[in-house]
């Protein structure tokens, strides 16, 4: 007799009785062992084909094939471009050396010029001992020097850690230290922020000749990027070259990027939404319009009308602003919305703003799965103004599974947590093995997947529709925010005994706003608490106000009462508006 085993997804109720009922007619018995997120079934027989049939019967009983298999997961596709993005960029620069790659306030920069600047940076880094696999901080804005630094780090074989100059200096220094960077490149204006930073302008002035040999492979890290952390401290995601090139290869094809494509770069390099504009044009002979400054109404108008862009990647919040301002844009071929839920009314206004010839895409993808791992082309005839636009189907070489809390596949139409598998799933969280094990899980069949915390359901159309979150995480202006990180920062103030942060509904837009609440040991003005937060957190994580309470309200079971706090925040906002009038 030989033991034949099968691991079946999830923990199942009455599993022993159900297995016995299935096998009862066959005269066979099975041993059942239930684990955390899968069930192990063992049958003993000398007949291997019979064992497979028996285990198939058991698996169909516990986890029907129709629930496990989704045709859209048939995504295997050979890449159209060989090598990493570094190889591809240098090859493109060799083909079109005099083509303009960067435009903006500093003038035009050709492919050959940017490749030369990147080579200078790479040579400097290698002279300083930076090797393949090293991490290099990049403290720069949307400038020629910033892009030269980015490509230079990659050409040196290292991974870049984008640091946003608008964030508090103490936070930037802490992120660089936490990531273990071996060097940090910074624009001269910010060089004093991170100890020992190398001024990019000084490096670029040396104009070294020759291009270092490319040493990166698919498994090497390409970039590190921080996201908000539920533990109270940000998490450092490590994305490999294989992850990145899988995304760029797919996105170039699906979004139709070509030599005439121009993307505006108007978001921080520390926000992975910007990677679409940074990489896609540079690998295809296209161009990037560098847009300095904060994206206010005037900058947005000028960008749409004067940058010469033909494609755009932005958040639904910015897309909504375009529609509300009544702006019109001509010559755009593709607009990609990502980072937040895309409401139907926003998509319809966007279609009117950009014209019927422009394709509007809804892209979904956590940072841990490399920019975007699902997309859906907006269809004005099918998509209602009163619901969200579906998030669609997986990208090339990516698979999406919907599982319940017990790790079981959910039936079509039911809500499940999105688990993402495939070539875009990141290595994990740098220096956080326990957190990595918690979020990057192994499915019953051995597949490695990222457990996103996002909920979705499968529609009759065969596409996925977003169904919110299974935790308190928020998406505001495309940024992922863990309220626990804000509360943790607030509690570092000596007067704060206890703090809580959460998202509250914003009636005007249907989105959410940040609210924070504090219980104090001694009187402190709310503005002082906000100043404290501004010293520790990036601007997008700082709430508009902090409400001081004698105590945090709780439910009957002792948990913080979010509904009561939301009501207090709404009342305070209404009182503030009334006082302003």
Protein backbone atom coordinates (compact mmCIF):
# COMPACT_ATOMS: atom_id res chain seq x y z
CA UNK A 1 0.00 0.00 0.00
CA UNK A 2 1.22 3.50 -0.86
CA UNK A 3 0.05 6.74 0.71
CA UNK A 4 -1.19 9.33 -1.78
CA UNK A 5 -1.64 12.90 -0.52
CA UNK A 6 -3.36 16.00 -1.79
CA UNK A 7 -3.40 19.48 -0.27
CA UNK A 8 -6.73 21.22 -0.75
CA UNK A 9 -7.22 24.96 -0.31
CA UNK A 10 -8.73 26.11 2.95
CA UNK A 11 -10.10 24.83 6.22
CA UNK A 12 -13.46 23.12 5.77
CA UNK A 13 -16.36 22.49 8.15
CA UNK A 14 -17.33 18.86 8.86
CA UNK A 15 -14.45 17.87 6.62
CA UNK A 16 -14.00 14.32 7.99
CA UNK A 17 -17.67 13.46 7.56
CA UNK A 18 -17.80 14.97 4.09
CA UNK A 19 -14.72 13.05 2.95
CA UNK A 20 -16.08 9.82 4.41
CA UNK A 21 -19.39 10.35 2.60
CA UNK A 22 -17.62 10.86 -0.75
CA UNK A 23 -15.40 7.80 -0.35
CA UNK A 24 -17.93 5.58 1.40
CA UNK A 25 -19.19 3.96 -1.79
CA UNK A 26 -15.64 3.12 -2.90
CA UNK A 27 -14.65 1.19 0.19
CA UNK A 28 -11.65 3.46 0.74
CA UNK A 29 -10.85 5.57 3.75
CA UNK A 30 -8.84 8.75 4.05
CA UNK A 31 -6.84 10.45 6.75
CA UNK A 32 -7.69 14.14 7.11
CA UNK A 33 -5.41 16.75 8.66
CA UNK A 34 -6.52 20.39 8.80
CA UNK A 35 -3.85 23.07 8.72
CA UNK A 36 -4.08 26.86 8.95
CA UNK A 37 -5.09 27.53 5.34
CA UNK A 38 -5.24 24.11 3.69
CA UNK A 39 -6.48 20.58 4.30
CA UNK A 40 -4.32 17.50 3.78
CA UNK A 41 -6.09 14.37 2.50
CA UNK A 42 -4.29 10.99 2.40
CA UNK A 43 -5.57 7.74 0.93
CA UNK A 44 -3.69 4.44 0.86
CA UNK A 45 -3.91 2.18 -2.15
CA UNK A 46 -1.71 0.21 -4.53
CA UNK A 47 -3.58 1.64 -7.51
CA UNK A 48 -2.12 5.10 -8.30
CA UNK A 49 -4.70 6.05 -11.00
CA UNK A 50 -7.46 5.06 -8.59
CA UNK A 51 -5.90 7.23 -5.88
CA UNK A 52 -5.89 10.21 -8.21
CA UNK A 53 -9.57 9.66 -9.05
CA UNK A 54 -10.46 9.38 -5.37
CA UNK A 55 -8.57 12.55 -4.48
CA UNK A 56 -10.19 14.33 -7.42
CA UNK A 57 -13.60 13.37 -6.02
CA UNK A 58 -12.69 14.66 -2.58
CA UNK A 59 -11.29 17.90 -3.94
CA UNK A 60 -14.38 18.48 -6.07
CA UNK A 61 -16.54 18.02 -2.97
CA UNK A 62 -14.54 20.43 -0.84
CA UNK A 63 -13.35 22.87 -3.50
CA UNK A 64 -15.25 22.66 -6.82
CA UNK A 65 -13.18 23.13 -9.96
CA UNK A 66 -15.56 25.88 -11.14
CA UNK A 67 -14.57 27.89 -8.07
CA UNK A 68 -10.85 27.24 -8.44
CA UNK A 69 -10.39 27.87 -12.14
CA UNK A 70 -10.95 31.25 -13.79
CA UNK A 71 -10.33 31.44 -17.55
CA UNK A 72 -8.78 34.90 -17.18
CA UNK A 73 -5.92 33.31 -15.20
CA UNK A 74 -4.62 31.74 -18.40
CA UNK A 75 -2.03 34.50 -18.71
CA UNK A 76 1.22 32.77 -19.69
CA UNK A 77 2.96 34.86 -22.32
CA UNK A 78 6.58 35.03 -23.45
CA UNK A 79 8.09 38.52 -23.07
CA UNK A 80 8.42 40.59 -26.22
CA UNK A 81 11.64 42.19 -24.95
CA UNK A 82 14.68 40.40 -23.59
CA UNK A 83 16.72 41.45 -20.57
CA UNK A 84 16.05 43.90 -17.76
CA UNK A 85 14.80 47.46 -18.23
CA UNK A 86 18.45 48.57 -18.12
CA UNK A 87 19.34 46.41 -21.14
CA UNK A 88 16.22 47.61 -22.93
CA UNK A 89 16.91 51.29 -22.22
CA UNK A 90 20.49 51.11 -23.46
CA UNK A 91 19.39 49.25 -26.59
CA UNK A 92 16.75 51.92 -27.25
CA UNK A 93 19.33 54.68 -26.71
CA UNK A 94 21.54 52.91 -29.24
CA UNK A 95 18.73 52.81 -31.80
CA UNK A 96 17.51 56.41 -31.30
CA UNK A 97 20.40 58.36 -29.73
CA UNK A 98 19.24 61.77 -30.99
CA UNK A 99 15.55 61.30 -30.16
CA UNK A 100 14.28 63.48 -27.32
CA UNK A 101 13.57 61.52 -24.14
CA UNK A 102 13.00 64.29 -21.57
CA UNK A 103 11.28 67.63 -22.04
CA UNK A 104 10.50 70.33 -19.49
CA UNK A 105 11.79 73.50 -17.82
CA UNK A 106 15.44 72.38 -18.19
CA UNK A 107 15.14 71.91 -21.93
CA UNK A 108 15.23 68.80 -24.09
CA UNK A 109 17.43 65.83 -23.24
CA UNK A 110 18.10 63.11 -25.81
CA UNK A 111 18.40 59.39 -25.22
CA UNK A 112 22.15 59.56 -25.77
CA UNK A 113 22.51 62.43 -23.31
CA UNK A 114 20.55 60.73 -20.54
CA UNK A 115 22.36 57.43 -21.11
CA UNK A 116 25.66 59.32 -20.84
CA UNK A 117 24.60 60.98 -17.59
CA UNK A 118 23.44 57.63 -16.21
CA UNK A 119 26.82 56.12 -17.09
CA UNK A 120 28.57 58.92 -15.20
CA UNK A 121 26.46 58.25 -12.11
CA UNK A 122 26.99 54.50 -12.40
CA UNK A 123 30.75 54.92 -12.66
CA UNK A 124 30.80 57.13 -9.56
CA UNK A 125 28.76 54.63 -7.59
CA UNK A 126 30.96 51.72 -8.59
CA UNK A 127 34.05 53.71 -7.64
CA UNK A 128 32.47 54.15 -4.22
CA UNK A 129 32.01 50.40 -3.78
CA UNK A 130 28.37 50.07 -4.85
CA UNK A 131 27.87 46.58 -6.25
CA UNK A 132 25.05 44.45 -7.62
CA UNK A 133 22.34 44.09 -5.02
CA UNK A 134 23.31 47.25 -3.11
CA UNK A 135 20.65 49.80 -2.19
CA UNK A 136 21.17 53.46 -3.11
CA UNK A 137 18.98 56.28 -1.87
CA UNK A 138 17.70 58.76 -4.47
CA UNK A 139 16.59 62.05 -2.95
CA UNK A 140 15.41 63.98 -5.99
CA UNK A 141 12.41 65.57 -7.59
CA UNK A 142 11.10 65.30 -11.13
CA UNK A 143 14.24 66.69 -12.73
CA UNK A 144 16.85 65.72 -15.29
CA UNK A 145 19.30 65.01 -12.47
CA UNK A 146 16.72 62.85 -10.70
CA UNK A 147 16.10 60.70 -13.79
CA UNK A 148 19.83 60.48 -14.52
CA UNK A 149 20.35 59.32 -10.95
CA UNK A 150 17.62 56.70 -11.21
CA UNK A 151 19.01 55.18 -14.40
CA UNK A 152 22.55 55.50 -13.06
CA UNK A 153 21.73 53.45 -9.96
CA UNK A 154 20.17 50.74 -12.12
CA UNK A 155 23.12 50.77 -14.51
CA UNK A 156 25.48 50.33 -11.56
CA UNK A 157 23.60 47.12 -10.74
CA UNK A 158 22.06 48.52 -7.55
CA UNK A 159 18.47 49.09 -6.46
CA UNK A 160 17.26 52.66 -6.01
CA UNK A 161 15.25 53.82 -3.01
CA UNK A 162 13.23 56.89 -4.08
CA UNK A 163 13.01 59.51 -1.32
CA UNK A 164 10.55 62.38 -1.66
CA UNK A 165 12.21 65.75 -0.87
CA UNK A 166 8.88 67.14 0.37
CA UNK A 167 8.74 64.67 3.27
CA UNK A 168 10.12 65.53 6.73
CA UNK A 169 13.94 65.26 6.90
CA UNK A 170 13.83 63.05 9.98
CA UNK A 171 11.61 60.57 8.17
CA UNK A 172 13.84 60.50 5.08
CA UNK A 173 16.96 59.85 7.14
CA UNK A 174 15.12 57.10 9.01
CA UNK A 175 13.97 55.42 5.78
CA UNK A 176 17.48 55.48 4.32
CA UNK A 177 18.88 53.96 7.51
CA UNK A 178 16.13 51.34 7.72
CA UNK A 179 16.69 50.25 4.10
CA UNK A 180 20.43 49.93 4.71
CA UNK A 181 21.49 52.08 1.75
CA UNK A 182 25.20 51.93 0.94
CA UNK A 183 25.10 55.40 -0.64
CA UNK A 184 22.60 58.18 -1.21
CA UNK A 185 22.36 60.47 -4.23
CA UNK A 186 20.66 63.80 -3.64
CA UNK A 187 20.04 66.98 -5.53
CA UNK A 188 22.28 69.66 -4.07
CA UNK A 189 19.37 71.49 -2.45
CA UNK A 190 18.56 68.39 -0.38
CA UNK A 191 22.02 66.88 0.12
CA UNK A 192 22.12 67.79 3.81
CA UNK A 193 18.95 65.85 4.58
CA UNK A 194 20.53 62.39 4.59
CA UNK A 195 23.97 62.08 6.25
CA UNK A 196 26.74 61.50 3.72
CA UNK A 197 24.56 62.12 0.66
CA UNK A 198 26.37 62.67 -2.67
CA UNK A 199 25.31 65.74 -4.66
CA UNK A 200 24.01 64.63 -8.04
CA UNK A 201 25.03 67.87 -9.75
CA UNK A 202 28.63 67.39 -8.64
CA UNK A 203 28.70 63.84 -10.01
CA UNK A 204 27.11 64.81 -13.33
CA UNK A 205 29.59 67.64 -13.86
CA UNK A 206 32.38 65.07 -14.28
CA UNK A 207 31.06 63.74 -17.61
CA UNK A 208 32.84 60.41 -17.49
CA UNK A 209 32.99 58.48 -20.76
CA UNK A 210 32.12 54.85 -21.43
CA UNK A 211 29.17 52.77 -20.31
CA UNK A 212 29.67 50.26 -17.49
CA UNK A 213 28.80 46.67 -18.26
CA UNK A 214 25.25 45.78 -17.25
CA UNK A 215 25.38 43.23 -14.44
CA UNK A 216 21.74 42.97 -13.39
CA UNK A 217 19.59 39.88 -13.76
CA UNK A 218 15.92 39.13 -13.26
CA UNK A 219 16.36 38.13 -9.60
CA UNK A 220 18.29 41.27 -8.61
CA UNK A 221 16.39 44.05 -6.82
CA UNK A 222 15.50 47.01 -9.07
CA UNK A 223 13.97 49.36 -6.52
CA UNK A 224 12.87 49.60 -2.92
CA UNK A 225 9.76 51.55 -2.05
CA UNK A 226 8.05 52.29 1.24
CA UNK A 227 4.35 51.91 1.94
CA UNK A 228 2.38 52.76 5.04
CA UNK A 229 2.55 50.08 7.74
CA UNK A 230 -0.20 48.73 9.97
CA UNK A 231 2.37 48.14 12.72
CA UNK A 232 3.00 51.86 13.07
CA UNK A 233 6.12 51.97 10.90
CA UNK A 234 6.40 52.01 7.09
CA UNK A 235 7.22 48.82 5.15
CA UNK A 236 9.99 48.56 2.56
CA UNK A 237 8.89 46.56 -0.50
CA UNK A 238 11.68 45.01 -2.59
CA UNK A 239 10.86 44.76 -6.30
CA UNK A 240 13.11 42.77 -8.63
CA UNK A 241 14.09 43.41 -12.24
CA UNK A 242 12.04 40.40 -13.24
CA UNK A 243 8.97 41.90 -11.54
CA UNK A 244 9.53 45.26 -13.23
CA UNK A 245 10.22 44.00 -16.75
CA UNK A 246 7.17 41.74 -16.60
CA UNK A 247 5.04 44.80 -15.86
CA UNK A 248 6.63 47.06 -18.48
CA UNK A 249 6.42 44.41 -21.21
CA UNK A 250 2.71 43.93 -20.56
CA UNK A 251 1.90 47.63 -20.13
CA UNK A 252 3.68 48.69 -23.33
CA UNK A 253 1.57 46.20 -25.28
CA UNK A 254 -1.81 46.78 -23.62
CA UNK A 255 -1.58 50.58 -23.40
CA UNK A 256 -0.21 50.86 -26.92
CA UNK A 257 3.00 52.75 -26.05
CA UNK A 258 5.04 53.65 -29.16
CA UNK A 259 7.77 56.11 -30.27
CA UNK A 260 5.24 58.94 -30.48
CA UNK A 261 3.96 58.41 -26.93
CA UNK A 262 4.68 61.09 -24.35
CA UNK A 263 3.80 60.69 -20.67
CA UNK A 264 3.90 63.60 -18.21
CA UNK A 265 5.77 62.87 -14.98
CA UNK A 266 4.02 64.86 -12.26
CA UNK A 267 4.01 62.60 -9.19
CA UNK A 268 6.83 61.83 -6.77
CA UNK A 269 9.31 59.12 -7.70
CA UNK A 270 8.51 57.66 -4.26
CA UNK A 271 4.96 56.91 -5.49
CA UNK A 272 5.09 53.85 -7.75
CA UNK A 273 2.37 55.27 -9.98
CA UNK A 274 5.21 57.37 -11.46
CA UNK A 275 6.97 54.23 -12.76
CA UNK A 276 4.57 54.06 -15.68
CA UNK A 277 5.76 57.43 -16.96
CA UNK A 278 9.42 56.80 -16.09
CA UNK A 279 9.86 53.43 -17.79
CA UNK A 280 7.33 52.84 -20.59
CA UNK A 281 8.38 55.71 -22.90
CA UNK A 282 12.10 55.15 -22.26
CA UNK A 283 11.89 51.56 -23.52
CA UNK A 284 10.01 52.36 -26.71
CA UNK A 285 11.51 55.55 -28.14
CA UNK A 286 8.85 57.75 -26.53
CA UNK A 287 9.35 60.77 -24.28
CA UNK A 288 8.64 62.08 -20.78
CA UNK A 289 7.44 65.59 -19.97
CA UNK A 290 8.85 66.61 -16.57
CA UNK A 291 6.26 68.62 -14.63
CA UNK A 292 7.67 70.42 -11.57
CA UNK A 293 5.73 71.64 -8.55
CA UNK A 294 2.58 70.50 -6.82
CA UNK A 295 -0.32 69.52 -9.06
CA UNK A 296 -2.74 72.39 -8.43
CA UNK A 297 -5.46 73.53 -10.81
CA UNK A 298 -3.14 75.77 -12.86
CA UNK A 299 -0.40 73.13 -13.22
CA UNK A 300 -3.02 70.55 -14.21
CA UNK A 301 -4.46 72.82 -16.90
CA UNK A 302 -1.02 73.61 -18.33
CA UNK A 303 0.04 69.97 -18.26
CA UNK A 304 -3.01 68.86 -20.22
CA UNK A 305 -2.80 71.67 -22.75
CA UNK A 306 0.91 72.40 -23.19
CA UNK A 307 3.05 69.39 -22.31
CA UNK A 308 2.48 67.67 -25.64
CA UNK A 309 1.54 64.48 -23.80
CA UNK A 310 -0.43 61.72 -25.48
CA UNK A 311 -0.82 59.35 -22.53
CA UNK A 312 -1.45 59.90 -18.85
CA UNK A 313 -1.27 57.88 -15.63
CA UNK A 314 -3.00 59.44 -12.62
CA UNK A 315 -5.27 58.70 -9.68
CA UNK A 316 -9.07 58.73 -9.95
CA UNK A 317 -9.00 61.74 -7.60
CA UNK A 318 -7.03 63.75 -10.16
CA UNK A 319 -9.21 62.38 -12.95
CA UNK A 320 -12.27 63.54 -11.01
CA UNK A 321 -10.72 67.00 -10.65
CA UNK A 322 -10.27 67.24 -14.43
CA UNK A 323 -13.95 66.46 -14.91
CA UNK A 324 -15.13 68.85 -12.18
CA UNK A 325 -13.05 71.70 -13.62
CA UNK A 326 -14.64 71.09 -17.01
CA UNK A 327 -11.24 70.73 -18.67
CA UNK A 328 -10.85 69.36 -22.17
CA UNK A 329 -7.72 67.67 -23.52
CA UNK A 330 -6.88 66.83 -27.12
CA UNK A 331 -4.47 64.33 -28.63
CA UNK A 332 -4.51 61.82 -25.78
CA UNK A 333 -4.53 58.17 -26.79
CA UNK A 334 -4.67 56.52 -23.35
CA UNK A 335 -5.51 57.61 -19.82
CA UNK A 336 -4.77 55.14 -17.02
CA UNK A 337 -6.41 55.57 -13.62
CA UNK A 338 -4.85 53.71 -10.72
CA UNK A 339 -4.37 53.74 -6.98
CA UNK A 340 -8.02 54.11 -5.95
CA UNK A 341 -11.53 52.97 -6.78
CA UNK A 342 -12.64 54.39 -10.14
CA UNK A 343 -16.28 55.44 -9.92
CA UNK A 344 -18.44 55.21 -13.00
CA UNK A 345 -19.39 58.89 -12.99
CA UNK A 346 -15.72 59.89 -12.88
CA UNK A 347 -14.90 57.62 -15.82
CA UNK A 348 -17.80 58.98 -17.88
CA UNK A 349 -16.70 62.59 -17.28
CA UNK A 350 -13.14 61.61 -18.17
CA UNK A 351 -14.28 60.13 -21.46
CA UNK A 352 -16.01 63.40 -22.31
CA UNK A 353 -12.94 65.40 -21.25
CA UNK A 354 -10.46 63.41 -23.34
CA UNK A 355 -12.74 62.57 -26.25
CA UNK A 356 -14.19 59.39 -27.68
CA UNK A 357 -10.89 58.43 -29.32
CA UNK A 358 -9.05 58.19 -26.00
CA UNK A 359 -9.02 54.86 -24.17
CA UNK A 360 -9.68 55.11 -20.40
CA UNK A 361 -8.23 52.25 -18.34
CA UNK A 362 -8.90 51.25 -14.76
CA UNK A 363 -5.70 49.70 -13.35
CA UNK A 364 -5.41 47.82 -10.07
CA UNK A 365 -2.22 46.77 -8.35
CA UNK A 366 -0.71 46.92 -4.85
CA UNK A 367 2.90 48.10 -4.56
CA UNK A 368 3.83 44.52 -3.64
CA UNK A 369 2.80 43.33 -7.11
CA UNK A 370 4.67 45.96 -9.16
CA UNK A 371 2.58 48.97 -10.16
CA UNK A 372 -0.40 47.27 -11.82
CA UNK A 373 -1.45 43.63 -12.05
CA UNK A 374 -5.01 43.98 -13.43
CA UNK A 375 -6.64 46.34 -15.88
CA UNK A 376 -9.97 47.05 -17.50
CA UNK A 377 -10.79 49.25 -20.50
CA UNK A 378 -13.68 51.55 -19.59
CA UNK A 379 -16.73 51.02 -21.77
CA UNK A 380 -19.22 53.93 -21.70
CA UNK A 381 -21.98 51.72 -23.09
CA UNK A 382 -21.56 48.94 -20.50
CA UNK A 383 -20.33 50.75 -17.40
CA UNK A 384 -22.91 52.57 -15.32
CA UNK A 385 -22.29 56.02 -13.87
CA UNK A 386 -23.66 54.75 -10.56
CA UNK A 387 -21.21 51.94 -9.85
CA UNK A 388 -17.45 51.48 -9.89
CA UNK A 389 -15.63 50.41 -13.05
CA UNK A 390 -14.56 46.73 -12.79
CA UNK A 391 -10.85 46.14 -12.16
CA UNK A 392 -10.82 43.60 -14.97
CA UNK A 393 -8.50 40.67 -15.56
CA UNK A 394 -4.86 39.85 -14.68
CA UNK A 395 -1.81 41.08 -16.54
CA UNK A 396 0.55 38.76 -18.41
CA UNK A 397 1.99 35.96 -16.26
CA UNK A 398 -0.15 36.99 -13.28
CA UNK A 399 -2.93 34.99 -11.62
CA UNK A 400 -5.62 36.20 -9.24
CA UNK A 401 -7.40 33.97 -6.72
CA UNK A 402 -10.33 34.94 -4.48
CA UNK A 403 -10.20 33.18 -1.11
CA UNK A 404 -12.27 33.49 2.06
CA UNK A 405 -10.97 33.89 5.62
CA UNK A 406 -10.39 30.13 5.88
CA UNK A 407 -8.31 30.08 2.67
CA UNK A 408 -11.08 28.46 0.59
CA UNK A 409 -11.90 29.46 -2.98
CA UNK A 410 -15.17 31.41 -3.07
CA UNK A 411 -17.90 30.64 -5.56
CA UNK A 412 -18.36 33.00 -8.54
CA UNK A 413 -20.21 36.13 -7.43
CA UNK A 414 -19.18 35.81 -3.78
CA UNK A 415 -16.73 38.24 -2.17
CA UNK A 416 -13.22 36.97 -1.49
CA UNK A 417 -9.82 38.41 -0.67
CA UNK A 418 -7.58 39.00 -3.67
CA UNK A 419 -4.49 36.76 -3.65
CA UNK A 420 -2.02 37.63 -6.41
CA UNK A 421 0.46 35.13 -7.83
CA UNK A 422 2.90 35.21 -10.70
CA UNK A 423 5.91 37.04 -12.07
CA UNK A 424 5.07 40.48 -10.68
CA UNK A 425 4.90 39.47 -7.00
CA UNK A 426 7.70 41.24 -5.12
CA UNK A 427 10.38 39.56 -3.02
CA UNK A 428 8.78 40.76 0.20
CA UNK A 429 9.44 43.37 2.88
CA UNK A 430 13.11 44.18 3.33
CA UNK A 431 14.27 43.29 6.83
CA UNK A 432 10.79 42.09 7.88
CA UNK A 433 10.73 38.26 7.62
CA UNK A 434 7.67 37.78 9.86
CA UNK A 435 5.63 40.41 8.04
CA UNK A 436 6.72 38.92 4.72
CA UNK A 437 5.54 35.46 5.81
CA UNK A 438 2.21 36.92 6.90
CA UNK A 439 1.43 38.67 3.61
CA UNK A 440 3.36 36.59 1.05
CA UNK A 441 1.73 33.21 1.59
CA UNK A 442 1.93 29.78 0.04
CA UNK A 443 -1.26 28.39 -1.46
CA UNK A 444 -2.23 24.74 -1.15
CA UNK A 445 -0.62 23.83 -4.47
CA UNK A 446 2.67 25.47 -3.45
CA UNK A 447 2.08 28.70 -5.37
CA UNK A 448 3.53 31.82 -3.73
CA UNK A 449 0.95 34.62 -3.55
CA UNK A 450 0.54 38.08 -2.06
CA UNK A 451 -2.44 38.34 0.28
CA UNK A 452 -3.62 41.84 -0.57
CA UNK A 453 -6.39 42.55 1.93
CA UNK A 454 -8.46 43.87 -0.99
CA UNK A 455 -11.85 42.28 -1.59
CA UNK A 456 -13.47 41.53 -4.95
CA UNK A 457 -16.16 39.46 -6.62
CA UNK A 458 -16.27 37.74 -9.99
CA UNK A 459 -18.90 39.24 -12.27
CA UNK A 460 -20.90 37.27 -14.88
CA UNK A 461 -18.76 39.07 -17.50
CA UNK A 462 -15.73 37.14 -16.24
CA UNK A 463 -14.13 40.27 -14.75
CA UNK A 464 -13.44 41.23 -11.15
CA UNK A 465 -15.19 44.06 -9.35
CA UNK A 466 -13.68 45.72 -6.29
CA UNK A 467 -15.55 45.17 -3.01
CA UNK A 468 -13.46 47.25 -0.60
CA UNK A 469 -11.01 46.17 2.11
CA UNK A 470 -10.96 43.59 4.89
CA UNK A 471 -9.11 45.98 7.24
CA UNK A 472 -8.75 49.70 8.05
CA UNK A 473 -6.31 50.55 5.25
CA UNK A 474 -7.25 53.62 3.20
CA UNK A 475 -6.49 54.90 -0.27
CA UNK A 476 -6.46 58.70 -0.41
CA UNK A 477 -5.27 60.50 -3.54
CA UNK A 478 -3.79 57.18 -4.62
CA UNK A 479 -1.59 56.82 -1.54
CA UNK A 480 -1.96 53.75 0.62
CA UNK A 481 -2.41 54.80 4.24
CA UNK A 482 -2.48 52.68 7.38
CA UNK A 483 -4.26 54.70 10.11
CA UNK A 484 -2.23 52.83 12.75
CA UNK A 485 0.92 54.57 11.50
CA UNK A 486 -0.68 57.99 12.08
CA UNK A 487 -1.89 57.00 15.55
CA UNK A 488 1.57 55.69 16.42
CA UNK A 489 3.18 58.98 15.36
CA UNK A 490 0.63 60.99 17.34
CA UNK A 491 1.29 58.96 20.46
CA UNK A 492 4.96 59.92 20.27
CA UNK A 493 3.96 63.42 21.44
CA UNK A 494 4.63 63.58 25.21
CA UNK A 495 1.15 64.93 25.99
CA UNK A 496 -0.75 62.23 24.09
CA UNK A 497 -1.92 59.28 26.18
CA UNK A 498 -3.86 57.49 23.48
CA UNK A 499 -4.62 58.21 19.82
CA UNK A 500 -6.69 56.81 16.99
CA UNK A 501 -6.88 57.61 13.28
CA UNK A 502 -9.40 56.56 10.66
CA UNK A 503 -11.03 57.50 7.39
CA UNK A 504 -14.33 59.34 7.45
CA UNK A 505 -16.72 59.81 4.55
CA UNK A 506 -16.39 63.01 2.56
CA UNK A 507 -19.93 63.79 1.43
CA UNK A 508 -18.94 66.16 -1.36
CA UNK A 509 -16.86 63.67 -3.33
CA UNK A 510 -17.87 60.26 -2.03
CA UNK A 511 -14.28 59.60 -0.98
CA UNK A 512 -12.63 59.55 2.44
CA UNK A 513 -10.70 62.04 4.52
CA UNK A 514 -8.27 61.40 7.36
CA UNK A 515 -9.37 62.10 10.91
CA UNK A 516 -7.30 61.77 14.08
CA UNK A 517 -8.36 61.74 17.73
CA UNK A 518 -6.24 62.17 20.85
CA UNK A 519 -6.63 61.75 24.59
CA UNK A 520 -4.22 64.07 26.44
CA UNK A 521 -2.43 63.99 29.76
CA UNK A 522 -2.11 67.80 29.71
CA UNK A 523 -3.65 70.57 27.61
CA UNK A 524 -2.16 71.02 24.15
CA UNK A 525 -3.52 72.94 21.19
CA UNK A 526 -4.54 70.77 18.20
CA UNK A 527 -2.26 72.83 15.95
CA UNK A 528 0.75 71.75 18.03
CA UNK A 529 -0.26 68.13 17.52
CA UNK A 530 -0.51 68.72 13.78
CA UNK A 531 2.93 70.33 13.73
CA UNK A 532 4.23 67.25 15.55
CA UNK A 533 2.75 65.01 12.85
CA UNK A 534 4.20 67.19 10.08
CA UNK A 535 7.66 66.53 11.48
CA UNK A 536 7.19 62.77 11.31
CA UNK A 537 4.87 61.99 8.40
CA UNK A 538 4.56 62.87 4.71
CA UNK A 539 1.91 65.47 3.96
CA UNK A 540 -0.61 62.98 2.57
CA UNK A 541 -0.68 61.21 5.96
CA UNK A 542 -1.32 64.34 8.03
CA UNK A 543 -5.03 64.81 8.85
CA UNK A 544 -6.61 68.24 8.45
CA UNK A 545 -7.33 68.37 12.18
CA UNK A 546 -6.89 66.43 15.41
CA UNK A 547 -9.90 66.23 17.72
CA UNK A 548 -9.05 66.18 21.41
CA UNK A 549 -11.38 63.98 23.47
CA UNK A 550 -11.57 63.14 27.19
CA UNK A 551 -11.59 59.47 26.16
CA UNK A 552 -12.02 57.36 23.04
CA UNK A 553 -15.54 55.93 22.80
CA UNK A 554 -15.79 52.14 22.82
CA UNK A 555 -18.35 49.55 21.85
CA UNK A 556 -19.90 47.09 24.31
CA UNK A 557 -17.05 44.64 23.66
CA UNK A 558 -14.36 47.20 24.44
CA UNK A 559 -13.29 48.05 20.88
CA UNK A 560 -12.93 51.63 19.71
CA UNK A 561 -16.29 52.82 18.36
CA UNK A 562 -15.53 53.98 14.83
CA UNK A 563 -19.12 55.02 14.14
CA UNK A 564 -19.15 57.35 17.16
CA UNK A 565 -15.79 58.86 16.15
CA UNK A 566 -16.96 59.37 12.56
CA UNK A 567 -20.04 61.20 13.86
CA UNK A 568 -17.84 63.44 16.04
CA UNK A 569 -15.57 64.21 13.08
CA UNK A 570 -18.56 65.07 10.87
CA UNK A 571 -20.03 67.31 13.57
CA UNK A 572 -16.69 69.10 14.04
CA UNK A 573 -16.37 69.64 10.28
CA UNK A 574 -19.90 71.08 10.06
CA UNK A 575 -19.22 73.38 13.02
CA UNK A 576 -16.02 74.57 11.38
CA UNK A 577 -17.81 75.34 8.12
CA UNK A 578 -20.56 77.16 10.03
CA UNK A 579 -18.00 79.29 11.87
CA UNK A 580 -16.25 80.10 8.58
CA UNK A 581 -19.53 81.38 7.12
